[in-house]
Every structure is written in structure tokens, then in C-alpha cells.
N, C-alpha and C. Protein backbone atom coordinates (compact mmCIF):
# COMPACT_ATOMS: atom_id res chain seq x y z
N MET A 1 0.38 -1.13 -0.35
CA MET A 1 -0.40 -0.08 -0.21
C MET A 1 0.72 1.16 -0.19
N ILE A 2 0.57 2.23 -0.93
CA ILE A 2 0.84 3.39 -1.19
C ILE A 2 1.42 4.04 0.80
N LYS A 3 2.08 5.36 1.16
CA LYS A 3 1.98 5.53 1.54
C LYS A 3 1.22 6.92 1.55
N ARG A 4 0.67 7.53 1.98
CA ARG A 4 0.74 9.43 1.90
C ARG A 4 1.85 10.42 1.71
N SER A 5 2.21 9.58 2.54
CA SER A 5 3.86 10.27 2.79
C SER A 5 4.54 9.91 1.64
N ASP A 6 4.44 9.42 0.93
CA ASP A 6 5.23 9.36 -0.55
C ASP A 6 4.46 9.59 -1.53
N ILE A 7 3.10 10.18 -1.48
CA ILE A 7 2.38 10.38 -2.45
C ILE A 7 2.84 12.28 -2.54
N LYS A 8 2.53 12.04 -1.75
CA LYS A 8 3.41 14.01 -0.88
C LYS A 8 4.36 14.27 -1.66
N GLN A 9 5.32 13.01 -1.50
CA GLN A 9 6.57 13.64 -1.74
C GLN A 9 7.09 13.51 -3.04
N GLU A 10 6.19 13.05 -3.85
CA GLU A 10 6.08 12.14 -5.27
C GLU A 10 5.71 13.67 -6.21
N ASP A 11 4.84 14.72 -5.50
CA ASP A 11 3.81 15.25 -5.51
C ASP A 11 4.86 17.02 -6.17
N ILE A 12 5.59 16.64 -4.52
CA ILE A 12 6.38 18.00 -4.74
C ILE A 12 7.50 17.87 -5.55
N ILE A 13 8.26 17.19 -5.72
CA ILE A 13 9.24 16.31 -6.60
C ILE A 13 8.40 17.00 -8.12
N ARG A 14 7.49 15.70 -8.21
CA ARG A 14 7.25 17.00 -9.45
C ARG A 14 7.10 18.42 -9.72
N SER A 15 6.80 18.66 -8.45
CA SER A 15 6.40 20.09 -8.88
C SER A 15 7.34 21.50 -9.26
N ALA A 16 8.57 20.96 -8.49
CA ALA A 16 9.67 21.57 -8.09
C ALA A 16 10.46 21.89 -9.88
N ILE A 17 10.17 20.12 -10.03
CA ILE A 17 10.91 19.56 -11.71
C ILE A 17 9.56 21.28 -12.40
N GLU A 18 8.68 20.70 -12.76
CA GLU A 18 7.68 21.74 -13.53
C GLU A 18 8.34 23.54 -13.04
N LEU A 19 8.35 23.89 -11.45
CA LEU A 19 8.70 25.02 -11.67
C LEU A 19 10.13 25.76 -12.42
N PHE A 20 11.02 24.01 -11.68
CA PHE A 20 12.01 24.99 -12.20
C PHE A 20 12.87 25.37 -13.69
N SER A 21 11.67 24.20 -14.39
CA SER A 21 11.80 23.81 -15.76
C SER A 21 11.25 24.88 -16.35
N GLN A 22 10.07 26.05 -15.45
CA GLN A 22 9.84 27.27 -16.10
C GLN A 22 10.43 28.73 -16.05
N LYS A 23 11.00 28.21 -14.57
CA LYS A 23 11.14 30.07 -14.09
C LYS A 23 12.96 29.74 -13.97
N GLY A 24 13.71 28.58 -13.77
CA GLY A 24 14.75 28.33 -13.40
C GLY A 24 14.86 28.07 -11.77
N PHE A 25 16.24 27.77 -11.66
CA PHE A 25 16.30 26.76 -10.38
C PHE A 25 16.41 28.54 -8.98
N GLU A 26 16.88 29.24 -9.60
CA GLU A 26 17.48 30.31 -9.22
C GLU A 26 15.88 31.23 -8.46
N GLN A 27 15.10 31.16 -9.82
CA GLN A 27 13.72 31.96 -9.56
C GLN A 27 12.24 31.27 -8.78
N ALA A 28 12.89 30.26 -8.71
CA ALA A 28 11.88 29.08 -8.43
C ALA A 28 11.24 29.16 -6.84
N SER A 29 10.55 29.71 -6.27
CA SER A 29 10.82 29.82 -4.76
C SER A 29 10.29 28.64 -4.20
N MET A 30 10.47 28.61 -3.22
CA MET A 30 9.71 26.74 -2.47
C MET A 30 8.43 27.30 -1.98
N GLU A 31 7.94 28.52 -1.79
CA GLU A 31 6.34 28.74 -1.43
C GLU A 31 5.79 28.41 -3.00
N GLY A 32 6.28 28.72 -3.77
CA GLY A 32 5.97 28.79 -4.94
C GLY A 32 5.41 27.15 -5.81
N ILE A 33 6.76 26.14 -5.20
CA ILE A 33 6.66 25.02 -4.37
C ILE A 33 6.45 24.63 -4.29
N SER A 34 5.21 24.35 -3.21
CA SER A 34 4.79 24.12 -2.03
C SER A 34 3.15 24.42 -1.92
N LYS A 35 2.91 25.54 -3.20
CA LYS A 35 1.66 26.00 -3.70
C LYS A 35 1.39 25.25 -4.71
N GLN A 36 1.97 24.71 -5.80
CA GLN A 36 1.97 23.43 -7.25
C GLN A 36 2.18 22.95 -6.70
N ALA A 37 2.53 22.22 -5.08
CA ALA A 37 2.24 20.56 -5.00
C ALA A 37 0.75 21.03 -4.12
N GLY A 38 -0.06 21.62 -3.48
CA GLY A 38 -1.09 21.72 -2.67
C GLY A 38 -0.73 20.83 -0.98
N VAL A 39 0.85 21.58 -1.29
CA VAL A 39 0.70 21.17 0.28
C VAL A 39 1.67 22.49 1.27
N SER A 40 1.11 22.67 2.46
CA SER A 40 2.01 23.54 2.75
C SER A 40 3.18 23.68 3.26
N LYS A 41 3.87 25.22 3.20
CA LYS A 41 5.18 25.11 3.91
C LYS A 41 5.46 24.22 4.55
N ARG A 42 5.22 23.83 5.74
CA ARG A 42 6.07 22.92 6.84
C ARG A 42 5.94 21.43 6.74
N THR A 43 5.57 21.30 6.22
CA THR A 43 4.96 19.85 4.68
C THR A 43 6.38 19.84 4.36
N LEU A 44 6.88 20.58 3.84
CA LEU A 44 7.93 20.92 2.29
C LEU A 44 8.75 20.46 2.99
N TYR A 45 9.26 22.07 3.32
CA TYR A 45 10.31 22.31 4.65
C TYR A 45 11.00 20.57 5.63
N LYS A 46 9.54 19.91 5.66
CA LYS A 46 9.89 18.40 6.69
C LYS A 46 10.65 17.56 5.92
N TYR A 47 10.25 17.41 4.97
CA TYR A 47 10.68 16.93 3.48
C TYR A 47 11.80 17.03 3.20
N TYR A 48 12.29 18.32 2.54
CA TYR A 48 12.97 19.05 1.83
C TYR A 48 13.41 20.54 2.51
N PRO A 49 14.40 20.64 3.33
CA PRO A 49 15.16 21.70 3.83
C PRO A 49 15.41 23.33 2.96
N ASN A 50 15.30 22.60 2.12
CA ASN A 50 15.74 23.87 0.49
C ASN A 50 16.04 23.52 -0.72
N LYS A 51 15.79 24.39 -1.25
CA LYS A 51 15.73 23.97 -2.99
C LYS A 51 17.19 23.01 -3.44
N ASP A 52 18.58 23.34 -2.89
CA ASP A 52 19.45 22.50 -2.88
C ASP A 52 19.20 20.65 -3.03
N ALA A 53 18.33 20.25 -1.75
CA ALA A 53 17.81 19.39 -1.47
C ALA A 53 16.74 18.87 -2.82
N LEU A 54 16.32 19.50 -2.94
CA LEU A 54 15.34 19.02 -4.65
C LEU A 54 16.09 18.87 -5.31
N PHE A 55 17.03 19.99 -5.34
CA PHE A 55 17.62 19.40 -7.05
C PHE A 55 18.21 18.51 -7.27
N GLU A 56 19.08 17.82 -5.45
CA GLU A 56 20.03 16.19 -5.37
C GLU A 56 18.97 15.31 -6.12
N VAL A 57 17.68 15.87 -5.59
CA VAL A 57 16.69 14.20 -5.54
C VAL A 57 16.58 14.21 -6.62
N ILE A 58 15.99 15.42 -7.66
CA ILE A 58 15.85 15.10 -9.29
C ILE A 58 17.12 14.86 -9.56
N VAL A 59 18.51 15.27 -9.43
CA VAL A 59 19.56 14.62 -9.96
C VAL A 59 19.12 12.90 -9.66
N ASP A 60 19.26 12.89 -8.98
CA ASP A 60 19.06 10.91 -8.28
C ASP A 60 18.24 10.54 -9.31
N ARG A 61 17.53 10.96 -9.80
CA ARG A 61 16.12 10.55 -10.33
C ARG A 61 16.78 10.56 -11.76
N LEU A 62 17.72 11.20 -12.74
CA LEU A 62 18.02 11.37 -13.17
C LEU A 62 19.46 10.37 -13.74
N MET A 63 20.16 10.54 -12.90
CA MET A 63 21.08 9.30 -12.64
C MET A 63 20.74 7.79 -12.72
N CYS A 64 19.29 7.15 -12.54
CA CYS A 64 19.09 5.96 -11.98
C CYS A 64 19.52 5.38 -12.32
N ARG A 65 19.96 3.93 -11.46
CA ARG A 65 21.23 2.78 -11.80
C ARG A 65 19.74 1.73 -12.58
N PHE A 66 20.19 1.88 -13.98
CA PHE A 66 19.28 0.74 -14.56
C PHE A 66 19.41 -0.13 -14.19
N ASP A 67 20.22 -0.92 -13.26
CA ASP A 67 20.99 -2.04 -13.27
C ASP A 67 20.15 -2.31 -11.70
N ASP A 68 19.70 -1.67 -10.99
CA ASP A 68 19.07 -1.54 -10.46
C ASP A 68 17.50 -2.09 -10.85
N GLN A 69 16.84 -2.37 -12.38
CA GLN A 69 15.52 -2.22 -11.66
C GLN A 69 15.51 -3.90 -12.60
N CYS A 70 16.61 -4.52 -12.61
CA CYS A 70 16.97 -6.04 -13.26
C CYS A 70 18.16 -6.19 -12.78
N ASP A 71 18.62 -7.59 -12.26
CA ASP A 71 19.54 -8.09 -11.96
C ASP A 71 19.91 -9.02 -13.40
N VAL A 72 20.97 -8.05 -14.06
CA VAL A 72 21.48 -8.04 -14.97
C VAL A 72 22.44 -9.82 -15.03
N GLN A 73 22.76 -10.24 -15.77
CA GLN A 73 23.07 -11.33 -16.15
C GLN A 73 23.45 -11.76 -17.64
N PHE A 74 25.21 -12.57 -17.41
CA PHE A 74 25.41 -12.77 -18.70
C PHE A 74 24.49 -14.21 -18.98
N GLU A 75 24.17 -15.09 -20.06
CA GLU A 75 23.93 -16.65 -20.36
C GLU A 75 24.04 -17.07 -21.17
N PRO A 76 25.39 -17.93 -21.08
CA PRO A 76 25.42 -18.29 -22.45
C PRO A 76 25.27 -19.38 -22.93
N SER A 77 23.80 -19.46 -22.22
CA SER A 77 23.17 -20.29 -23.45
C SER A 77 22.01 -19.17 -24.46
N VAL A 78 22.05 -18.39 -24.45
CA VAL A 78 21.60 -17.06 -25.46
C VAL A 78 23.00 -16.70 -26.36
N SER A 79 22.07 -15.71 -27.55
CA SER A 79 22.77 -15.66 -28.10
C SER A 79 23.49 -13.96 -27.44
N VAL A 80 24.00 -13.18 -27.90
CA VAL A 80 25.07 -11.93 -27.54
C VAL A 80 23.57 -11.46 -28.10
N LYS A 81 23.95 -11.27 -29.35
CA LYS A 81 22.53 -10.43 -29.53
C LYS A 81 21.29 -10.38 -28.91
N THR A 82 20.87 -11.72 -28.67
CA THR A 82 19.33 -11.49 -28.35
C THR A 82 19.32 -11.09 -26.86
N GLN A 83 20.34 -11.12 -26.51
CA GLN A 83 20.78 -10.84 -24.74
C GLN A 83 20.54 -9.25 -24.67
N LEU A 84 21.72 -8.71 -25.71
CA LEU A 84 22.51 -7.16 -25.67
C LEU A 84 21.14 -6.21 -26.28
N THR A 85 20.29 -7.43 -27.33
CA THR A 85 19.03 -6.56 -27.65
C THR A 85 18.49 -6.59 -26.68
N GLU A 86 17.76 -7.86 -25.79
CA GLU A 86 16.63 -7.31 -24.37
C GLU A 86 17.26 -6.34 -23.17
N LEU A 87 18.43 -6.53 -23.33
CA LEU A 87 18.90 -5.49 -21.45
C LEU A 87 18.58 -4.08 -22.27
N THR A 88 19.23 -3.73 -23.11
CA THR A 88 19.22 -2.08 -24.21
C THR A 88 17.51 -1.78 -24.01
N LEU A 89 16.56 -2.70 -24.80
CA LEU A 89 15.52 -2.34 -25.07
C LEU A 89 14.86 -1.69 -23.58
N LYS A 90 14.64 -2.23 -22.91
CA LYS A 90 14.42 -2.42 -21.09
C LYS A 90 15.14 -1.12 -20.42
N GLN A 91 16.65 -0.88 -21.00
CA GLN A 91 16.76 0.37 -20.44
C GLN A 91 16.45 1.74 -21.22
N MET A 92 16.82 1.29 -22.14
CA MET A 92 16.57 2.70 -23.11
C MET A 92 14.54 2.72 -23.01
N CYS A 93 14.44 2.03 -22.77
CA CYS A 93 12.22 2.91 -22.71
C CYS A 93 13.02 4.27 -21.59
N TYR A 94 13.56 3.82 -20.75
CA TYR A 94 13.10 4.98 -19.84
C TYR A 94 13.29 6.53 -19.62
N ILE A 95 14.47 6.66 -20.96
CA ILE A 95 15.28 7.59 -21.44
C ILE A 95 14.44 8.39 -22.21
N SER A 96 13.39 8.00 -22.53
CA SER A 96 13.02 8.26 -23.95
C SER A 96 11.56 9.22 -23.41
N ASN A 97 11.09 8.45 -22.15
CA ASN A 97 9.62 9.01 -21.48
C ASN A 97 9.41 10.88 -21.43
N ASP A 98 8.09 11.55 -21.70
CA ASP A 98 8.82 13.05 -21.38
C ASP A 98 9.30 13.39 -20.18
N ASP A 99 9.25 12.90 -18.65
CA ASP A 99 9.52 13.03 -17.31
C ASP A 99 11.36 13.01 -17.15
N TYR A 100 11.89 12.19 -17.82
CA TYR A 100 13.25 12.10 -17.86
C TYR A 100 13.87 13.46 -18.80
N GLN A 101 12.69 13.35 -19.96
CA GLN A 101 13.81 14.37 -20.70
C GLN A 101 13.44 15.52 -20.66
N MET A 102 12.20 16.37 -19.88
CA MET A 102 11.91 17.65 -19.45
C MET A 102 13.17 17.47 -17.62
N THR A 103 13.30 16.90 -16.96
CA THR A 103 14.66 16.29 -15.86
C THR A 103 15.37 16.74 -16.38
N ALA A 104 15.93 16.21 -17.58
CA ALA A 104 17.26 16.15 -18.46
C ALA A 104 17.41 17.40 -18.73
N ARG A 105 16.61 17.95 -19.46
CA ARG A 105 16.78 19.55 -19.28
C ARG A 105 17.50 20.76 -18.78
N LEU A 106 16.56 20.31 -16.97
CA LEU A 106 16.72 20.79 -16.25
C LEU A 106 17.67 21.06 -15.67
N VAL A 107 18.41 20.03 -15.51
CA VAL A 107 19.28 19.55 -15.17
C VAL A 107 20.96 19.96 -15.86
N ILE A 108 21.01 19.72 -17.10
CA ILE A 108 21.99 20.02 -18.47
C ILE A 108 22.02 22.06 -18.13
N ALA A 109 21.21 22.08 -18.27
CA ALA A 109 20.95 24.04 -17.69
C ALA A 109 21.27 24.77 -16.94
N GLU A 110 20.59 23.75 -16.11
CA GLU A 110 21.58 24.39 -13.98
C GLU A 110 22.73 24.61 -13.94
N CYS A 111 23.34 23.26 -14.27
CA CYS A 111 24.75 22.88 -15.24
C CYS A 111 25.64 23.95 -15.34
N ILE A 112 24.84 24.15 -16.40
CA ILE A 112 25.77 25.60 -17.22
C ILE A 112 25.32 26.82 -17.21
N ARG A 113 24.78 26.66 -16.20
CA ARG A 113 24.46 28.39 -15.66
C ARG A 113 25.02 28.03 -13.93
N CYS A 114 25.42 27.14 -13.41
CA CYS A 114 26.21 27.14 -12.09
C CYS A 114 27.01 26.38 -11.99
N GLN A 115 27.80 26.31 -11.55
CA GLN A 115 29.02 25.81 -11.16
C GLN A 115 28.84 24.66 -9.75
N GLU A 116 28.11 25.26 -8.92
CA GLU A 116 27.94 24.46 -7.80
C GLU A 116 26.86 23.64 -8.35
N THR A 117 26.61 24.34 -8.85
CA THR A 117 24.92 22.89 -9.45
C THR A 117 25.95 21.46 -10.34
N SER A 118 26.58 21.76 -10.91
CA SER A 118 27.19 21.22 -11.90
C SER A 118 28.31 19.97 -11.42
N LYS A 119 28.49 20.63 -9.93
CA LYS A 119 29.04 19.56 -8.49
C LYS A 119 28.40 18.46 -8.51
N VAL A 120 27.21 18.93 -8.71
CA VAL A 120 26.03 17.71 -7.26
C VAL A 120 25.81 16.55 -9.32
N LEU A 121 25.85 16.97 -10.21
CA LEU A 121 25.61 16.39 -11.08
C LEU A 121 26.58 15.69 -11.24
N VAL A 122 28.02 16.34 -11.65
CA VAL A 122 29.38 15.09 -11.84
C VAL A 122 29.88 13.96 -10.46
N SER A 123 29.07 15.07 -9.25
CA SER A 123 29.11 13.72 -8.40
C SER A 123 28.74 12.20 -7.90
N LYS A 124 27.44 12.69 -8.34
CA LYS A 124 26.12 11.40 -9.09
C LYS A 124 27.47 10.42 -10.12
N PHE A 125 27.56 11.18 -11.15
CA PHE A 125 28.55 10.41 -11.99
C PHE A 125 28.88 9.28 -11.47
N GLU A 126 30.20 9.63 -11.54
CA GLU A 126 31.51 9.67 -10.74
C GLU A 126 31.29 8.28 -9.60
N ALA A 127 29.65 8.28 -8.64
CA ALA A 127 28.97 7.48 -8.23
C ALA A 127 29.15 6.28 -8.57
N ILE A 128 29.02 6.45 -10.28
CA ILE A 128 27.50 5.03 -10.87
C ILE A 128 29.75 4.90 -11.47
N GLU A 129 29.53 3.16 -10.81
CA GLU A 129 30.62 2.50 -11.13
C GLU A 129 30.40 1.59 -12.87
N ASP A 130 29.20 1.14 -13.05
CA ASP A 130 29.07 0.04 -14.14
C ASP A 130 27.91 1.08 -15.05
N SER A 131 28.18 1.42 -16.11
CA SER A 131 27.38 2.33 -17.18
C SER A 131 25.87 1.09 -17.30
N TYR A 132 24.45 1.55 -16.56
CA TYR A 132 23.42 0.45 -17.13
C TYR A 132 23.86 -0.91 -16.99
N GLY A 133 24.73 -1.48 -16.02
CA GLY A 133 24.61 -2.17 -15.61
C GLY A 133 25.54 -2.88 -17.11
N LEU A 134 25.75 -2.36 -17.56
CA LEU A 134 26.09 -3.76 -19.12
C LEU A 134 27.54 -4.11 -18.60
N GLN A 135 28.72 -3.29 -18.16
CA GLN A 135 29.50 -3.80 -18.22
C GLN A 135 29.69 -5.25 -17.28
N LYS A 136 29.39 -4.73 -16.27
CA LYS A 136 28.66 -5.63 -15.70
C LYS A 136 28.74 -7.22 -16.92
N TRP A 137 27.30 -7.38 -17.25
CA TRP A 137 27.48 -8.32 -18.09
C TRP A 137 27.89 -8.23 -19.47
N ALA A 138 29.16 -7.45 -19.58
CA ALA A 138 30.54 -7.46 -20.74
C ALA A 138 31.40 -8.58 -20.16
N ASN A 139 31.82 -9.09 -18.84
CA ASN A 139 32.76 -9.09 -18.67
C ASN A 139 32.55 -10.61 -18.50
N GLN A 140 31.12 -10.96 -17.50
CA GLN A 140 30.94 -11.65 -17.19
C GLN A 140 30.34 -12.83 -18.86
N GLY A 141 30.89 -12.07 -19.92
CA GLY A 141 30.47 -12.14 -21.81
C GLY A 141 31.81 -12.66 -21.50
N ILE A 142 33.19 -12.37 -21.23
CA ILE A 142 34.03 -12.64 -21.31
C ILE A 142 34.68 -13.67 -20.88
N ASP A 143 33.86 -13.79 -19.50
CA ASP A 143 34.56 -14.70 -18.82
C ASP A 143 33.84 -16.39 -19.52
N ALA A 144 33.46 -16.18 -20.20
CA ALA A 144 32.13 -17.12 -21.22
C ALA A 144 32.82 -17.27 -21.95
N GLY A 145 33.80 -16.95 -22.63
CA GLY A 145 34.13 -17.31 -24.06
C GLY A 145 33.34 -16.38 -24.60
N ALA A 146 32.86 -15.44 -24.70
CA ALA A 146 31.99 -15.52 -26.00
C ALA A 146 31.99 -14.05 -26.32
N LEU A 147 32.73 -13.21 -25.10
CA LEU A 147 32.96 -11.66 -26.11
C LEU A 147 34.57 -11.69 -25.63
N GLU A 148 35.37 -10.57 -26.89
CA GLU A 148 36.63 -10.35 -26.76
C GLU A 148 37.21 -8.81 -26.50
N ILE A 149 36.36 -8.39 -25.43
CA ILE A 149 36.99 -6.65 -25.57
C ILE A 149 38.11 -6.14 -24.71
N SER A 150 38.89 -5.05 -25.43
CA SER A 150 40.31 -5.27 -24.79
C SER A 150 40.03 -4.04 -23.34
N ASN A 151 39.30 -3.28 -23.70
CA ASN A 151 38.43 -2.09 -22.90
C ASN A 151 37.25 -1.60 -22.41
N VAL A 152 36.75 -2.76 -21.82
CA VAL A 152 35.16 -2.94 -21.42
C VAL A 152 34.41 -1.49 -21.27
N PRO A 153 35.27 -0.84 -20.46
CA PRO A 153 34.52 0.86 -20.53
C PRO A 153 34.02 1.78 -21.23
N LEU A 154 35.57 1.56 -22.26
CA LEU A 154 35.39 2.59 -23.55
C LEU A 154 34.26 1.55 -24.58
N ALA A 155 33.84 0.12 -24.01
CA ALA A 155 32.82 0.20 -25.20
C ALA A 155 31.72 -0.23 -25.27
N ILE A 156 31.38 0.02 -24.07
CA ILE A 156 30.18 0.08 -23.76
C ILE A 156 29.07 1.34 -23.52
N GLU A 157 30.80 2.58 -23.72
CA GLU A 157 29.94 4.34 -23.15
C GLU A 157 30.10 3.87 -24.88
N GLN A 158 30.95 2.84 -25.92
CA GLN A 158 30.34 3.91 -26.65
C GLN A 158 28.86 2.93 -27.80
N TYR A 159 29.05 2.00 -27.09
CA TYR A 159 27.41 1.33 -27.61
C TYR A 159 26.63 2.34 -26.87
N ILE A 160 26.52 3.10 -26.10
CA ILE A 160 25.62 4.00 -24.73
C ILE A 160 25.70 4.91 -26.07
N GLY A 161 26.41 5.52 -26.11
CA GLY A 161 26.97 6.69 -27.16
C GLY A 161 26.25 6.61 -28.52
N ALA A 162 26.59 5.62 -28.83
CA ALA A 162 25.76 5.58 -30.14
C ALA A 162 24.06 5.96 -30.27
N ILE A 163 23.63 5.05 -29.51
CA ILE A 163 22.30 4.37 -29.71
C ILE A 163 21.39 5.85 -28.54
N LYS A 164 22.62 7.32 -27.49
CA LYS A 164 21.79 8.41 -27.62
C LYS A 164 21.81 9.20 -28.54
N ALA A 165 22.61 8.82 -29.61
CA ALA A 165 23.47 10.27 -30.23
C ALA A 165 21.78 10.18 -31.16
N THR A 166 20.60 8.86 -31.31
CA THR A 166 19.58 9.35 -32.23
C THR A 166 18.76 9.14 -31.44
N LEU A 167 18.58 8.25 -30.06
CA LEU A 167 17.12 8.48 -29.19
C LEU A 167 16.91 8.95 -28.39
N PHE A 168 18.49 10.33 -28.11
CA PHE A 168 18.38 10.64 -26.85
C PHE A 168 19.16 12.68 -26.87
N TRP A 169 19.55 12.71 -27.43
CA TRP A 169 19.92 14.05 -27.72
C TRP A 169 19.73 15.18 -29.22
N PRO A 170 19.05 14.15 -29.57
CA PRO A 170 18.30 15.58 -31.16
C PRO A 170 16.77 15.94 -29.76
N GLN A 171 16.18 14.71 -29.00
CA GLN A 171 14.41 15.42 -28.56
C GLN A 171 14.84 16.10 -27.47
N LEU A 172 16.28 15.63 -27.14
CA LEU A 172 16.42 16.65 -25.84
C LEU A 172 16.41 18.24 -26.25
N LEU A 173 17.58 18.35 -27.39
CA LEU A 173 17.95 19.81 -27.55
C LEU A 173 17.10 20.38 -28.29
N THR A 174 16.21 19.36 -29.42
CA THR A 174 14.93 20.25 -30.28
C THR A 174 13.22 20.10 -29.80
N HIS A 175 13.50 19.33 -28.72
CA HIS A 175 12.26 19.63 -28.07
C HIS A 175 10.95 18.76 -28.79
N THR A 176 11.41 17.77 -29.51
CA THR A 176 11.21 17.16 -30.61
C THR A 176 9.98 15.65 -30.02
N PRO A 177 9.41 15.31 -30.22
CA PRO A 177 8.49 13.82 -28.89
C PRO A 177 9.63 12.96 -29.39
N PRO A 178 9.25 12.11 -28.35
CA PRO A 178 10.25 10.69 -28.06
C PRO A 178 9.79 10.33 -29.29
N PRO A 179 10.68 9.54 -29.28
CA PRO A 179 11.30 8.80 -30.60
C PRO A 179 9.89 7.06 -30.59
N SER A 180 9.21 6.58 -31.18
CA SER A 180 8.01 5.70 -31.76
C SER A 180 9.02 4.22 -30.81
N CYS A 181 8.28 3.69 -30.66
CA CYS A 181 8.90 2.27 -30.38
C CYS A 181 9.67 1.41 -31.26
N GLU A 182 9.33 1.78 -33.07
CA GLU A 182 9.64 1.09 -33.67
C GLU A 182 11.16 1.95 -34.09
N GLN A 183 11.04 3.14 -33.88
CA GLN A 183 12.59 4.08 -34.23
C GLN A 183 12.93 3.40 -33.08
N VAL A 184 13.24 3.65 -31.39
CA VAL A 184 13.86 2.79 -30.46
C VAL A 184 14.58 1.44 -31.30
N LYS A 185 13.80 0.40 -31.64
CA LYS A 185 14.10 -0.66 -31.99
C LYS A 185 15.23 -1.15 -32.77
N GLN A 186 14.72 -0.28 -34.41
CA GLN A 186 15.84 -0.27 -35.24
C GLN A 186 16.74 0.25 -34.82
N THR A 187 16.94 1.31 -34.28
CA THR A 187 18.50 2.07 -33.59
C THR A 187 19.48 1.53 -32.70
N ILE A 188 18.32 0.44 -32.19
CA ILE A 188 19.24 -0.13 -31.02
C ILE A 188 19.88 -1.41 -32.26
N ASP A 189 18.84 -2.46 -32.74
CA ASP A 189 19.16 -3.23 -33.32
C ASP A 189 20.44 -3.11 -34.20
N HIS A 190 20.64 -1.68 -34.86
CA HIS A 190 21.78 -0.98 -35.43
C HIS A 190 22.83 -1.09 -34.39
N ALA A 191 22.73 -0.91 -33.45
CA ALA A 191 23.72 -0.54 -32.47
C ALA A 191 24.67 -2.16 -32.16
N VAL A 192 23.42 -3.21 -31.69
CA VAL A 192 23.88 -4.57 -31.11
C VAL A 192 24.22 -5.22 -32.62
N ASP A 193 24.23 -4.58 -33.57
CA ASP A 193 24.73 -5.40 -34.70
C ASP A 193 26.05 -4.79 -34.51
N ASN A 194 26.70 -3.67 -34.83
CA ASN A 194 28.05 -3.32 -34.68
C ASN A 194 28.33 -3.89 -33.89
N PHE A 195 27.89 -4.06 -32.56
CA PHE A 195 28.46 -4.55 -31.02
C PHE A 195 29.05 -5.86 -31.56
N VAL A 196 28.09 -6.57 -31.73
CA VAL A 196 28.17 -8.30 -31.82
C VAL A 196 29.36 -7.78 -33.29
N THR A 197 29.52 -7.65 -33.97
CA THR A 197 30.21 -7.62 -35.12
C THR A 197 31.98 -7.48 -34.47
N ALA A 198 31.80 -6.09 -33.78
CA ALA A 198 33.15 -5.81 -32.71
C ALA A 198 33.46 -6.68 -31.58
N TYR A 199 32.95 -7.22 -31.55
CA TYR A 199 32.98 -7.77 -29.69
C TYR A 199 32.80 -9.39 -29.67
N ALA A 200 31.80 -10.33 -29.99
CA ALA A 200 31.20 -11.25 -29.94
C ALA A 200 32.27 -12.68 -31.22
N THR A 201 32.71 -13.27 -30.58
CA THR A 201 33.50 -14.33 -30.89
C THR A 201 32.37 -15.24 -31.53
N SER A 202 33.53 -16.52 -32.02
CA SER A 202 32.76 -17.27 -32.84
C SER A 202 32.16 -18.40 -32.14
N LYS A 203 32.17 -18.49 -30.77
CA LYS A 203 32.03 -18.96 -29.95
C LYS A 203 30.37 -19.70 -29.93
């Protein structure tokens, strides 16, 4: 059962994202956020002492660890192509929704504007040791003899970067609608084929 306090915090976070996006971090006020969320200022300050605390929560959402959503394991009995496609589809669906796009624009804009704010985002990036859980999967694939990769972090970053170049950055920067499911699948299929060609063994 969902607690009422959880609902209130969700309303607060969503309202903060909306106001930060509309007015910018500096111009948005805690009073405005409380009104937007339909909660008292007392309730707002109970959960979040200031705007910086709220911003950190928003950044945490943006940097959500995809590998926390499922246990990423390499399966030797399943082809590399099938595994990587399924894992990536699950993970990339997250970044194409409207909430994620709006949050990403907010975070990027504030990081460009304010050096202190950018430190928050950088610290979150540094806390992520395994990009989308795929580094773990790739290392397991190497141990199983199904992959040959000399630099796993670089290979995974290039793989994810190729996908985001089509499915994330254009939509983020030009405010175009999120890609269709078919566009997502086509882009991922192409990236997977390139990855398999480069790193899969003949085993």
C-alpha cells in the first residue's frame, strides 16, 4: 500500500521539476513549489530543507541506476545479440519518456548556469561505477568466452553513446517528441549488430 507521505513527496518533486523548468532554479521559490504541490510550507520543509536538497533528489532520479531494475546476468546459452537487445530495450525505454526528458533539460541547463550545481551532477556521475549494468554483463561474457573486449568501459560507453545520439540528444535539444517504439528498436538493432561484429567471438 502506498503511503500518503510517499504521494506527497512525489507531488513535491514533480512540482519542483515543473517550476525549475519554467522559472529556472534561482527564480523558483519554496513557497511556489509548496503551492504547486498543494502542500503546506511546513510539510515541504519537513521533507526538503531547501531547493538544493530538492535538486539533488531530481538529479538522483536522472542518474537512476538501470541495473537496479533487473539483475543483469550473462546467459551463455543465449546469443549475445539476443541478450544485448533485450537488456538495452528495457534500459533505453526509460530515457525516452517525457518526465526524463524534462528532468534532463533542467539539470543540463542548471549545470551550464551554475558551477556549484554542476558539481552535484558530476558527483552523481562519479558514483556510478557501471554504466547501465552492461559492464558487468560484458565482463561475464568475456569470462564465458563469448566476448573479446580489451577495454570494457570504453566499449560500453561507445555503444550507449551511439544509441543516445539518435534516441536522446536530438529530442532533448530540439524538444521533438520522444522516438516511437519502432525507431527505438531500429536504432538498438543497428547498435547491437555493430557491437556483435566488433566483440562477439565465434563460440
